[in-house]
Amino acid sequence: MMNDTDNISIQTLRILAKSCPSAKIFYEELFCNSYDDFVKNVYSNLEDCINIIEEDAKVRSNDGEDRLSTEIITFFKGRGYVASRDEMIKGGHTDLVLKKNNYKWLGEAKIHSGYDYLVKGFNQLCTRYSSGTENCSQGALIIYVRVKDAKSVIDNWKAKIQSEALPEYSEEDCEVRGKLSFYTTHKHVSSGLPYKVKHVAVVLHFDPKDK
């Protein structure tokens, strides 16, 4: 005899996915029918991961880029992704690589120490590691911000990337992280197709004034 659990609706599954990680993984996998769906799911999970990392900046105050990025990779492996750090791609070691089916997303992660250093990371992502083809047409620059005022860091970085005069350049706001993230799109040097990058700050400043 069929009971209620034998006939869970899509709407019920969508509600469950908001609070249950396993339901979220299943829901996202069920409705991942394109590269855009894949990237949308990557960023939904990345936001969950960043929220966890930001919960305790003190614990992570001495962590280097590799250690912080390993946390992201471990998180995505737990969410069912084929995930790796420092994978050799096109003759270089990519910080973050996520794969599902034939889809690939790359991330370059930098501890903010200066804007020229961020430009280096952006160029590594866009000109060294990514192919810019249809199934690898998006990536992210993840900026670990230990200094105060992460919003100013992102504002200054946006101005810096605007000054690079990238071909067919455009920008979009990030609805999820507000003023701490934004998107850029430009013509990829290798494929000639649009390549979209999410620039996102991870707020790791820790300097309490209660002592």
N, C-alpha and C. Protein backbone atom coordinates (compact mmCIF):
# COMPACT_ATOMS: atom_id res chain seq x y z
N MET A 1 0.85 -1.20 0.00
CA MET A 1 0.00 0.00 0.00
C MET A 1 0.88 1.25 0.00
N MET A 2 0.58 2.20 -0.87
CA MET A 2 1.40 3.42 -0.98
C MET A 2 1.10 4.36 0.17
N ASN A 3 2.17 4.91 0.78
CA ASN A 3 1.97 5.93 1.80
C ASN A 3 2.46 7.27 1.28
N ASP A 4 2.40 8.29 2.12
CA ASP A 4 2.73 9.65 1.69
C ASP A 4 4.16 9.79 1.21
N THR A 5 5.09 9.03 1.80
CA THR A 5 6.49 9.15 1.42
C THR A 5 6.78 8.56 0.05
N ASP A 6 5.85 7.77 -0.50
CA ASP A 6 6.03 7.20 -1.83
C ASP A 6 5.69 8.19 -2.94
N ASN A 7 5.17 9.33 -2.59
CA ASN A 7 4.70 10.26 -3.59
C ASN A 7 5.07 11.70 -3.20
N ILE A 8 6.38 11.93 -2.95
CA ILE A 8 6.87 13.25 -2.58
C ILE A 8 6.85 14.15 -3.82
N SER A 9 6.23 15.29 -3.73
CA SER A 9 6.13 16.21 -4.85
C SER A 9 7.44 16.97 -5.03
N ILE A 10 7.60 17.56 -6.21
CA ILE A 10 8.76 18.40 -6.48
C ILE A 10 8.78 19.59 -5.54
N GLN A 11 7.60 20.15 -5.26
CA GLN A 11 7.53 21.28 -4.35
C GLN A 11 8.01 20.90 -2.95
N THR A 12 7.62 19.71 -2.48
CA THR A 12 8.07 19.23 -1.17
C THR A 12 9.57 19.04 -1.15
N LEU A 13 10.12 18.47 -2.24
CA LEU A 13 11.56 18.26 -2.33
C LEU A 13 12.29 19.59 -2.34
N ARG A 14 11.74 20.58 -3.02
CA ARG A 14 12.36 21.91 -3.07
C ARG A 14 12.42 22.51 -1.66
N ILE A 15 11.37 22.35 -0.90
CA ILE A 15 11.33 22.86 0.48
C ILE A 15 12.35 22.13 1.34
N LEU A 16 12.41 20.81 1.21
CA LEU A 16 13.37 20.02 1.98
C LEU A 16 14.81 20.43 1.64
N ALA A 17 15.06 20.76 0.38
CA ALA A 17 16.41 21.10 -0.06
C ALA A 17 16.94 22.36 0.61
N LYS A 18 16.06 23.22 1.11
CA LYS A 18 16.48 24.45 1.76
C LYS A 18 17.10 24.22 3.13
N SER A 19 16.77 23.08 3.75
CA SER A 19 17.26 22.83 5.11
C SER A 19 17.99 21.51 5.27
N CYS A 20 17.91 20.65 4.28
CA CYS A 20 18.54 19.33 4.37
C CYS A 20 19.59 19.18 3.28
N PRO A 21 20.88 19.11 3.65
CA PRO A 21 21.93 19.01 2.64
C PRO A 21 21.77 17.83 1.69
N SER A 22 21.37 16.68 2.20
CA SER A 22 21.23 15.52 1.32
C SER A 22 20.09 15.72 0.32
N ALA A 23 19.00 16.35 0.76
CA ALA A 23 17.90 16.66 -0.16
C ALA A 23 18.33 17.69 -1.19
N LYS A 24 19.15 18.65 -0.75
CA LYS A 24 19.66 19.68 -1.66
C LYS A 24 20.52 19.04 -2.75
N ILE A 25 21.41 18.14 -2.36
CA ILE A 25 22.28 17.46 -3.33
C ILE A 25 21.43 16.72 -4.35
N PHE A 26 20.43 15.98 -3.87
CA PHE A 26 19.57 15.21 -4.76
C PHE A 26 18.78 16.11 -5.69
N TYR A 27 18.23 17.19 -5.14
CA TYR A 27 17.43 18.12 -5.93
C TYR A 27 18.27 18.77 -7.03
N GLU A 28 19.46 19.22 -6.67
CA GLU A 28 20.31 19.87 -7.64
C GLU A 28 20.75 18.90 -8.74
N GLU A 29 21.05 17.67 -8.36
CA GLU A 29 21.46 16.67 -9.33
C GLU A 29 20.31 16.33 -10.28
N LEU A 30 19.11 16.26 -9.72
CA LEU A 30 17.92 15.89 -10.49
C LEU A 30 17.63 16.90 -11.59
N PHE A 31 17.87 18.18 -11.29
CA PHE A 31 17.50 19.23 -12.23
C PHE A 31 18.72 19.90 -12.87
N CYS A 32 19.84 19.22 -12.89
CA CYS A 32 21.04 19.75 -13.55
C CYS A 32 21.06 19.25 -14.99
N ASN A 33 20.57 20.09 -15.90
CA ASN A 33 20.43 19.68 -17.30
C ASN A 33 21.26 20.51 -18.26
N SER A 34 22.08 21.41 -17.71
CA SER A 34 22.89 22.26 -18.58
C SER A 34 24.12 22.75 -17.81
N TYR A 35 25.05 23.35 -18.53
CA TYR A 35 26.23 23.91 -17.86
C TYR A 35 25.83 25.04 -16.92
N ASP A 36 24.88 25.85 -17.32
CA ASP A 36 24.41 26.94 -16.46
C ASP A 36 23.82 26.40 -15.16
N ASP A 37 23.07 25.30 -15.25
CA ASP A 37 22.54 24.65 -14.04
C ASP A 37 23.68 24.20 -13.14
N PHE A 38 24.69 23.59 -13.75
CA PHE A 38 25.85 23.13 -13.00
C PHE A 38 26.52 24.27 -12.25
N VAL A 39 26.76 25.39 -12.93
CA VAL A 39 27.42 26.53 -12.29
C VAL A 39 26.54 27.13 -11.21
N LYS A 40 25.24 27.21 -11.47
CA LYS A 40 24.31 27.71 -10.46
C LYS A 40 24.40 26.88 -9.19
N ASN A 41 24.49 25.57 -9.34
CA ASN A 41 24.62 24.68 -8.18
C ASN A 41 25.96 24.85 -7.49
N VAL A 42 27.02 25.04 -8.28
CA VAL A 42 28.34 25.28 -7.70
C VAL A 42 28.30 26.50 -6.79
N TYR A 43 27.70 27.58 -7.25
CA TYR A 43 27.69 28.81 -6.46
C TYR A 43 26.75 28.74 -5.27
N SER A 44 25.69 27.97 -5.38
CA SER A 44 24.83 27.74 -4.21
C SER A 44 25.60 27.01 -3.12
N ASN A 45 26.36 25.99 -3.51
CA ASN A 45 27.16 25.24 -2.55
C ASN A 45 28.35 26.05 -2.06
N LEU A 46 28.95 26.85 -2.94
CA LEU A 46 30.08 27.68 -2.53
C LEU A 46 29.65 28.67 -1.45
N GLU A 47 28.45 29.21 -1.58
CA GLU A 47 27.95 30.14 -0.57
C GLU A 47 27.80 29.45 0.78
N ASP A 48 27.29 28.22 0.77
CA ASP A 48 27.20 27.45 2.02
C ASP A 48 28.59 27.25 2.63
N CYS A 49 29.55 26.93 1.78
CA CYS A 49 30.91 26.68 2.24
C CYS A 49 31.54 27.94 2.81
N ILE A 50 31.39 29.06 2.12
CA ILE A 50 31.96 30.32 2.60
C ILE A 50 31.36 30.72 3.93
N ASN A 51 30.07 30.54 4.09
CA ASN A 51 29.42 30.86 5.36
C ASN A 51 30.05 30.08 6.52
N ILE A 52 30.38 28.81 6.27
CA ILE A 52 31.02 27.99 7.30
C ILE A 52 32.43 28.51 7.60
N ILE A 53 33.19 28.81 6.56
CA ILE A 53 34.56 29.30 6.74
C ILE A 53 34.58 30.62 7.50
N GLU A 54 33.64 31.49 7.21
CA GLU A 54 33.60 32.80 7.84
C GLU A 54 33.14 32.76 9.30
N GLU A 55 32.58 31.64 9.72
CA GLU A 55 32.06 31.54 11.08
C GLU A 55 33.15 31.66 12.14
N ASP A 56 34.36 31.28 11.80
CA ASP A 56 35.43 31.30 12.80
C ASP A 56 36.74 31.75 12.18
N ALA A 57 36.87 33.06 11.96
CA ALA A 57 38.08 33.61 11.36
C ALA A 57 39.30 33.40 12.25
N LYS A 58 39.09 33.39 13.58
CA LYS A 58 40.22 33.24 14.50
C LYS A 58 40.93 31.90 14.27
N VAL A 59 40.17 30.84 14.14
CA VAL A 59 40.75 29.51 13.94
C VAL A 59 41.57 29.46 12.65
N ARG A 60 41.15 30.25 11.66
CA ARG A 60 41.79 30.22 10.35
C ARG A 60 42.80 31.35 10.15
N SER A 61 43.13 32.04 11.21
CA SER A 61 43.96 33.25 11.09
C SER A 61 45.38 32.97 10.60
N ASN A 62 45.87 31.75 10.81
CA ASN A 62 47.22 31.42 10.37
C ASN A 62 47.25 30.49 9.16
N ASP A 63 46.08 30.19 8.62
CA ASP A 63 45.99 29.29 7.48
C ASP A 63 46.46 29.98 6.20
N GLY A 64 47.21 29.25 5.39
CA GLY A 64 47.62 29.77 4.10
C GLY A 64 46.58 29.46 3.04
N GLU A 65 46.87 29.87 1.81
CA GLU A 65 45.93 29.66 0.71
C GLU A 65 45.62 28.19 0.50
N ASP A 66 46.63 27.35 0.56
CA ASP A 66 46.41 25.93 0.33
C ASP A 66 45.47 25.33 1.38
N ARG A 67 45.69 25.69 2.63
CA ARG A 67 44.86 25.14 3.71
C ARG A 67 43.41 25.60 3.57
N LEU A 68 43.21 26.87 3.26
CA LEU A 68 41.86 27.40 3.11
C LEU A 68 41.16 26.77 1.90
N SER A 69 41.89 26.61 0.82
CA SER A 69 41.30 26.04 -0.38
C SER A 69 40.99 24.55 -0.20
N THR A 70 41.79 23.88 0.62
CA THR A 70 41.52 22.47 0.92
C THR A 70 40.17 22.33 1.62
N GLU A 71 39.81 23.28 2.46
CA GLU A 71 38.50 23.25 3.11
C GLU A 71 37.38 23.30 2.08
N ILE A 72 37.56 24.12 1.06
CA ILE A 72 36.54 24.22 0.02
C ILE A 72 36.42 22.92 -0.75
N ILE A 73 37.56 22.34 -1.12
CA ILE A 73 37.55 21.08 -1.86
C ILE A 73 36.90 19.97 -1.04
N THR A 74 37.26 19.88 0.24
CA THR A 74 36.67 18.85 1.11
C THR A 74 35.17 19.02 1.19
N PHE A 75 34.71 20.25 1.29
CA PHE A 75 33.28 20.53 1.35
C PHE A 75 32.58 20.02 0.09
N PHE A 76 33.14 20.33 -1.07
CA PHE A 76 32.49 19.92 -2.32
C PHE A 76 32.53 18.41 -2.53
N LYS A 77 33.58 17.76 -2.08
CA LYS A 77 33.60 16.31 -2.15
C LYS A 77 32.44 15.72 -1.34
N GLY A 78 32.18 16.34 -0.18
CA GLY A 78 31.06 15.90 0.65
C GLY A 78 29.72 16.15 0.00
N ARG A 79 29.67 17.05 -0.96
CA ARG A 79 28.43 17.34 -1.69
C ARG A 79 28.34 16.54 -2.99
N GLY A 80 29.25 15.60 -3.20
CA GLY A 80 29.13 14.70 -4.33
C GLY A 80 29.86 15.13 -5.60
N TYR A 81 30.67 16.17 -5.53
CA TYR A 81 31.41 16.63 -6.70
C TYR A 81 32.73 15.88 -6.84
N VAL A 82 33.21 15.75 -8.07
CA VAL A 82 34.59 15.37 -8.32
C VAL A 82 35.39 16.65 -8.15
N ALA A 83 36.14 16.74 -7.06
CA ALA A 83 36.79 17.98 -6.69
C ALA A 83 38.26 17.73 -6.41
N SER A 84 39.11 18.66 -6.84
CA SER A 84 40.54 18.50 -6.60
C SER A 84 41.18 19.87 -6.43
N ARG A 85 42.32 19.89 -5.74
CA ARG A 85 43.10 21.09 -5.55
C ARG A 85 44.49 20.87 -6.14
N ASP A 86 45.02 21.89 -6.74
CA ASP A 86 46.37 21.84 -7.31
C ASP A 86 46.46 20.85 -8.46
N GLU A 87 45.36 20.65 -9.18
CA GLU A 87 45.36 19.73 -10.31
C GLU A 87 46.11 20.35 -11.49
N MET A 88 46.89 19.54 -12.17
CA MET A 88 47.63 20.01 -13.33
C MET A 88 46.69 20.16 -14.52
N ILE A 89 46.52 21.40 -14.99
CA ILE A 89 45.71 21.69 -16.16
C ILE A 89 46.46 22.66 -17.04
N LYS A 90 46.66 22.28 -18.30
CA LYS A 90 47.33 23.15 -19.28
C LYS A 90 48.68 23.65 -18.77
N GLY A 91 49.41 22.78 -18.10
CA GLY A 91 50.76 23.13 -17.69
C GLY A 91 50.85 23.96 -16.42
N GLY A 92 49.76 24.02 -15.66
CA GLY A 92 49.80 24.76 -14.40
C GLY A 92 48.94 24.08 -13.35
N HIS A 93 49.15 24.45 -12.10
CA HIS A 93 48.44 23.83 -10.99
C HIS A 93 47.27 24.71 -10.57
N THR A 94 46.08 24.26 -10.90
CA THR A 94 44.86 25.02 -10.63
C THR A 94 44.43 24.84 -9.18
N ASP A 95 44.06 25.94 -8.51
CA ASP A 95 43.70 25.87 -7.09
C ASP A 95 42.48 25.01 -6.85
N LEU A 96 41.41 25.23 -7.61
CA LEU A 96 40.14 24.54 -7.38
C LEU A 96 39.58 24.03 -8.70
N VAL A 97 39.28 22.74 -8.75
CA VAL A 97 38.68 22.15 -9.94
C VAL A 97 37.46 21.34 -9.52
N LEU A 98 36.31 21.66 -10.10
CA LEU A 98 35.07 20.93 -9.83
C LEU A 98 34.54 20.38 -11.14
N LYS A 99 34.12 19.11 -11.10
CA LYS A 99 33.62 18.46 -12.32
C LYS A 99 32.35 17.67 -12.01
N LYS A 100 31.45 17.68 -12.97
CA LYS A 100 30.30 16.79 -12.97
C LYS A 100 29.95 16.52 -14.42
N ASN A 101 29.82 15.24 -14.75
CA ASN A 101 29.59 14.84 -16.14
C ASN A 101 30.71 15.44 -17.00
N ASN A 102 30.37 16.18 -18.04
CA ASN A 102 31.40 16.80 -18.88
C ASN A 102 31.63 18.26 -18.53
N TYR A 103 31.04 18.70 -17.43
CA TYR A 103 31.13 20.10 -17.03
C TYR A 103 32.34 20.32 -16.13
N LYS A 104 32.96 21.49 -16.28
CA LYS A 104 34.13 21.81 -15.46
C LYS A 104 34.07 23.28 -15.04
N TRP A 105 34.38 23.52 -13.78
CA TRP A 105 34.47 24.86 -13.22
C TRP A 105 35.81 24.99 -12.52
N LEU A 106 36.49 26.12 -12.72
CA LEU A 106 37.79 26.34 -12.12
C LEU A 106 37.75 27.55 -11.19
N GLY A 107 38.52 27.48 -10.13
CA GLY A 107 38.62 28.60 -9.22
C GLY A 107 40.07 28.88 -8.86
N GLU A 108 40.40 30.16 -8.81
CA GLU A 108 41.72 30.58 -8.34
C GLU A 108 41.51 31.33 -7.03
N ALA A 109 42.26 30.98 -5.99
CA ALA A 109 42.05 31.55 -4.66
C ALA A 109 43.32 32.26 -4.20
N LYS A 110 43.15 33.50 -3.71
CA LYS A 110 44.27 34.30 -3.27
C LYS A 110 43.96 34.97 -1.93
N ILE A 111 44.94 34.97 -1.02
CA ILE A 111 44.84 35.83 0.16
C ILE A 111 45.20 37.24 -0.29
N HIS A 112 44.31 38.18 -0.03
CA HIS A 112 44.53 39.55 -0.51
C HIS A 112 45.75 40.16 0.16
N SER A 113 46.72 40.55 -0.68
CA SER A 113 47.92 41.24 -0.19
C SER A 113 48.26 42.43 -1.09
N GLY A 114 47.48 42.60 -2.13
CA GLY A 114 47.70 43.68 -3.08
C GLY A 114 46.96 43.38 -4.36
N TYR A 115 46.63 44.42 -5.11
CA TYR A 115 45.77 44.23 -6.28
C TYR A 115 46.52 43.65 -7.47
N ASP A 116 47.81 43.89 -7.55
CA ASP A 116 48.60 43.25 -8.61
C ASP A 116 48.63 41.73 -8.42
N TYR A 117 48.63 41.31 -7.16
CA TYR A 117 48.60 39.87 -6.86
C TYR A 117 47.27 39.27 -7.30
N LEU A 118 46.19 40.03 -7.12
CA LEU A 118 44.88 39.55 -7.58
C LEU A 118 44.81 39.50 -9.10
N VAL A 119 45.42 40.47 -9.75
CA VAL A 119 45.48 40.45 -11.22
C VAL A 119 46.20 39.19 -11.69
N LYS A 120 47.27 38.84 -11.00
CA LYS A 120 47.99 37.61 -11.35
C LYS A 120 47.07 36.40 -11.26
N GLY A 121 46.30 36.31 -10.17
CA GLY A 121 45.38 35.19 -10.02
C GLY A 121 44.31 35.19 -11.09
N PHE A 122 43.77 36.36 -11.41
CA PHE A 122 42.76 36.48 -12.46
C PHE A 122 43.33 36.02 -13.80
N ASN A 123 44.54 36.44 -14.11
CA ASN A 123 45.15 36.05 -15.38
C ASN A 123 45.49 34.56 -15.42
N GLN A 124 45.89 34.00 -14.28
CA GLN A 124 46.12 32.56 -14.24
C GLN A 124 44.84 31.81 -14.59
N LEU A 125 43.74 32.24 -13.98
CA LEU A 125 42.46 31.59 -14.23
C LEU A 125 42.04 31.72 -15.69
N CYS A 126 42.15 32.93 -16.22
CA CYS A 126 41.57 33.21 -17.53
C CYS A 126 42.48 32.88 -18.70
N THR A 127 43.80 32.95 -18.51
CA THR A 127 44.70 32.78 -19.65
C THR A 127 45.59 31.55 -19.56
N ARG A 128 45.72 30.96 -18.37
CA ARG A 128 46.57 29.79 -18.23
C ARG A 128 45.75 28.51 -18.10
N TYR A 129 44.77 28.50 -17.18
CA TYR A 129 44.10 27.25 -16.81
C TYR A 129 42.84 26.96 -17.62
N SER A 130 42.00 27.94 -17.84
CA SER A 130 40.70 27.69 -18.46
C SER A 130 40.81 27.61 -19.98
N SER A 131 39.97 26.74 -20.55
CA SER A 131 39.90 26.63 -22.01
C SER A 131 38.90 27.62 -22.59
N GLY A 132 37.92 28.02 -21.77
CA GLY A 132 36.90 28.94 -22.24
C GLY A 132 35.89 28.33 -23.18
N THR A 133 35.88 27.00 -23.27
CA THR A 133 34.92 26.32 -24.14
C THR A 133 33.56 26.24 -23.47
N GLU A 134 32.56 25.75 -24.20
CA GLU A 134 31.18 25.77 -23.72
C GLU A 134 31.00 25.12 -22.35
N ASN A 135 31.70 24.02 -22.10
CA ASN A 135 31.54 23.30 -20.84
C ASN A 135 32.58 23.69 -19.80
N CYS A 136 33.31 24.78 -20.08
CA CYS A 136 34.27 25.33 -19.11
C CYS A 136 34.34 26.84 -19.30
N SER A 137 33.17 27.47 -19.27
CA SER A 137 33.07 28.88 -19.63
C SER A 137 32.85 29.80 -18.44
N GLN A 138 32.96 29.25 -17.22
CA GLN A 138 32.84 30.09 -16.03
C GLN A 138 33.83 29.63 -14.97
N GLY A 139 34.23 30.57 -14.13
CA GLY A 139 35.15 30.28 -13.04
C GLY A 139 35.03 31.36 -11.99
N ALA A 140 35.90 31.32 -10.99
CA ALA A 140 35.82 32.30 -9.90
C ALA A 140 37.20 32.67 -9.40
N LEU A 141 37.31 33.92 -8.99
CA LEU A 141 38.46 34.39 -8.22
C LEU A 141 37.98 34.56 -6.78
N ILE A 142 38.48 33.70 -5.90
CA ILE A 142 38.08 33.73 -4.49
C ILE A 142 39.14 34.50 -3.73
N ILE A 143 38.72 35.56 -3.05
CA ILE A 143 39.65 36.47 -2.38
C ILE A 143 39.48 36.34 -0.88
N TYR A 144 40.48 35.76 -0.22
CA TYR A 144 40.46 35.66 1.24
C TYR A 144 40.92 37.00 1.82
N VAL A 145 40.02 37.68 2.51
CA VAL A 145 40.29 39.04 2.98
C VAL A 145 40.51 39.04 4.49
N ARG A 146 41.75 39.28 4.90
CA ARG A 146 42.08 39.33 6.32
C ARG A 146 42.15 40.77 6.85
N VAL A 147 42.21 41.73 5.95
CA VAL A 147 42.22 43.12 6.37
C VAL A 147 40.79 43.56 6.65
N LYS A 148 40.64 44.69 7.33
CA LYS A 148 39.30 45.20 7.62
C LYS A 148 38.68 45.79 6.35
N ASP A 149 37.36 45.94 6.38
CA ASP A 149 36.59 46.57 5.32
C ASP A 149 36.71 45.81 4.00
N ALA A 150 36.16 44.59 4.00
CA ALA A 150 36.20 43.76 2.80
C ALA A 150 35.48 44.42 1.63
N LYS A 151 34.44 45.20 1.92
CA LYS A 151 33.71 45.88 0.84
C LYS A 151 34.64 46.82 0.07
N SER A 152 35.49 47.56 0.78
CA SER A 152 36.42 48.45 0.10
C SER A 152 37.42 47.68 -0.75
N VAL A 153 37.82 46.51 -0.26
CA VAL A 153 38.73 45.66 -1.05
C VAL A 153 38.06 45.29 -2.37
N ILE A 154 36.80 44.88 -2.31
CA ILE A 154 36.08 44.50 -3.52
C ILE A 154 35.86 45.70 -4.43
N ASP A 155 35.51 46.85 -3.84
CA ASP A 155 35.33 48.06 -4.65
C ASP A 155 36.60 48.43 -5.39
N ASN A 156 37.73 48.38 -4.69
CA ASN A 156 39.02 48.71 -5.31
C ASN A 156 39.42 47.68 -6.36
N TRP A 157 39.10 46.43 -6.08
CA TRP A 157 39.42 45.38 -7.04
C TRP A 157 38.57 45.54 -8.30
N LYS A 158 37.32 45.92 -8.15
CA LYS A 158 36.46 46.14 -9.32
C LYS A 158 37.04 47.26 -10.18
N ALA A 159 37.49 48.34 -9.55
CA ALA A 159 38.10 49.43 -10.30
C ALA A 159 39.37 48.98 -11.02
N LYS A 160 40.13 48.12 -10.35
CA LYS A 160 41.37 47.61 -10.94
C LYS A 160 41.08 46.76 -12.17
N ILE A 161 40.11 45.88 -12.08
CA ILE A 161 39.81 44.99 -13.20
C ILE A 161 39.19 45.78 -14.35
N GLN A 162 38.47 46.84 -14.04
CA GLN A 162 37.93 47.71 -15.09
C GLN A 162 39.05 48.36 -15.88
N SER A 163 40.15 48.67 -15.20
CA SER A 163 41.27 49.36 -15.85
C SER A 163 42.09 48.44 -16.75
N GLU A 164 41.83 47.14 -16.69
CA GLU A 164 42.61 46.19 -17.48
C GLU A 164 42.21 46.17 -18.95
N ALA A 165 41.13 46.86 -19.30
CA ALA A 165 40.68 46.97 -20.70
C ALA A 165 40.51 45.61 -21.37
N LEU A 166 39.77 44.73 -20.71
CA LEU A 166 39.51 43.41 -21.26
C LEU A 166 38.56 43.50 -22.45
N PRO A 167 38.73 42.65 -23.44
CA PRO A 167 37.87 42.72 -24.63
C PRO A 167 36.43 42.30 -24.32
N GLU A 168 35.48 43.06 -24.87
CA GLU A 168 34.05 42.78 -24.73
C GLU A 168 33.66 42.60 -23.26
N TYR A 169 34.13 43.52 -22.44
CA TYR A 169 33.98 43.44 -20.98
C TYR A 169 32.60 43.94 -20.53
N SER A 170 32.04 43.24 -19.54
CA SER A 170 30.80 43.68 -18.90
C SER A 170 30.80 43.21 -17.45
N GLU A 171 29.90 43.79 -16.65
CA GLU A 171 29.79 43.46 -15.22
C GLU A 171 28.35 43.16 -14.85
N GLU A 172 28.20 42.36 -13.77
CA GLU A 172 26.89 42.10 -13.18
C GLU A 172 27.03 42.12 -11.66
N ASP A 173 25.98 42.56 -10.99
CA ASP A 173 25.96 42.47 -9.53
C ASP A 173 25.71 41.03 -9.10
N CYS A 174 26.14 40.72 -7.89
CA CYS A 174 25.86 39.41 -7.29
C CYS A 174 24.70 39.58 -6.31
N GLU A 175 23.61 38.90 -6.56
CA GLU A 175 22.42 39.04 -5.71
C GLU A 175 22.60 38.35 -4.36
N VAL A 176 23.50 37.39 -4.27
CA VAL A 176 23.63 36.60 -3.04
C VAL A 176 24.51 37.29 -2.02
N ARG A 177 25.71 37.69 -2.42
CA ARG A 177 26.66 38.29 -1.48
C ARG A 177 26.72 39.81 -1.56
N GLY A 178 25.80 40.40 -2.30
CA GLY A 178 25.66 41.84 -2.33
C GLY A 178 26.93 42.55 -2.73
N LYS A 179 27.43 43.42 -1.86
CA LYS A 179 28.59 44.25 -2.16
C LYS A 179 29.92 43.53 -1.96
N LEU A 180 29.86 42.26 -1.62
CA LEU A 180 31.09 41.50 -1.39
C LEU A 180 31.43 40.57 -2.56
N SER A 181 30.69 40.73 -3.64
CA SER A 181 30.94 39.88 -4.80
C SER A 181 30.35 40.55 -6.05
N PHE A 182 30.92 40.21 -7.20
CA PHE A 182 30.37 40.67 -8.47
C PHE A 182 30.85 39.74 -9.58
N TYR A 183 30.24 39.87 -10.74
CA TYR A 183 30.59 39.05 -11.90
C TYR A 183 31.18 39.93 -12.99
N THR A 184 32.13 39.37 -13.73
CA THR A 184 32.60 40.01 -14.96
C THR A 184 32.53 38.99 -16.09
N THR A 185 32.36 39.50 -17.29
CA THR A 185 32.40 38.67 -18.49
C THR A 185 33.29 39.37 -19.52
N HIS A 186 34.13 38.59 -20.17
CA HIS A 186 34.96 39.15 -21.24
C HIS A 186 35.24 38.06 -22.27
N LYS A 187 35.75 38.45 -23.39
CA LYS A 187 36.08 37.51 -24.46
C LYS A 187 37.31 36.70 -24.08
N HIS A 188 37.15 35.38 -24.05
CA HIS A 188 38.26 34.51 -23.66
C HIS A 188 39.31 34.48 -24.77
N VAL A 189 40.57 34.64 -24.37
CA VAL A 189 41.65 34.77 -25.34
C VAL A 189 41.83 33.51 -26.19
N SER A 190 41.54 32.34 -25.62
CA SER A 190 41.75 31.09 -26.36
C SER A 190 40.54 30.70 -27.20
N SER A 191 39.36 30.65 -26.58
CA SER A 191 38.17 30.18 -27.28
C SER A 191 37.48 31.26 -28.10
N GLY A 192 37.66 32.52 -27.70
CA GLY A 192 36.93 33.60 -28.35
C GLY A 192 35.50 33.73 -27.88
N LEU A 193 35.10 32.89 -26.94
CA LEU A 193 33.74 32.91 -26.39
C LEU A 193 33.71 33.74 -25.10
N PRO A 194 32.53 34.15 -24.67
CA PRO A 194 32.43 34.87 -23.39
C PRO A 194 32.86 33.98 -22.22
N TYR A 195 33.67 34.55 -21.34
CA TYR A 195 34.10 33.83 -20.14
C TYR A 195 33.66 34.64 -18.93
N LYS A 196 32.91 34.01 -18.06
CA LYS A 196 32.31 34.70 -16.91
C LYS A 196 33.02 34.31 -15.62
N VAL A 197 33.39 35.33 -14.85
CA VAL A 197 34.13 35.12 -13.61
C VAL A 197 33.35 35.72 -12.44
N LYS A 198 33.22 34.94 -11.39
CA LYS A 198 32.67 35.47 -10.14
C LYS A 198 33.84 35.88 -9.25
N HIS A 199 33.81 37.12 -8.79
CA HIS A 199 34.83 37.64 -7.88
C HIS A 199 34.17 37.71 -6.50
N VAL A 200 34.70 36.97 -5.55
CA VAL A 200 34.00 36.85 -4.27
C VAL A 200 34.96 36.97 -3.10
N ALA A 201 34.59 37.81 -2.14
CA ALA A 201 35.39 37.98 -0.92
C ALA A 201 34.96 36.98 0.13
N VAL A 202 35.94 36.39 0.81
CA VAL A 202 35.71 35.58 2.00
C VAL A 202 36.23 36.38 3.18
N VAL A 203 35.34 36.79 4.06
CA VAL A 203 35.69 37.74 5.13
C VAL A 203 36.34 37.00 6.30
N LEU A 204 37.66 37.20 6.45
CA LEU A 204 38.42 36.51 7.49
C LEU A 204 39.17 37.47 8.41
N HIS A 205 38.71 38.72 8.45
CA HIS A 205 39.32 39.69 9.36
C HIS A 205 39.00 39.33 10.81
N PHE A 206 40.04 39.37 11.67
CA PHE A 206 39.83 39.08 13.08
C PHE A 206 40.73 40.00 13.90
N ASP A 207 40.11 40.98 14.55
CA ASP A 207 40.87 41.93 15.36
C ASP A 207 39.93 42.49 16.43
N PRO A 208 39.55 41.64 17.42
CA PRO A 208 38.59 42.07 18.44
C PRO A 208 39.14 43.19 19.32
N LYS A 209 38.26 44.09 19.72
CA LYS A 209 38.65 45.24 20.54
C LYS A 209 38.12 45.15 21.97
N ASP A 210 37.79 43.94 22.39
CA ASP A 210 37.19 43.79 23.72
C ASP A 210 38.23 43.53 24.81
N LYS A 211 39.51 43.58 24.46
CA LYS A 211 40.56 43.36 25.45
C LYS A 211 41.48 44.55 25.48
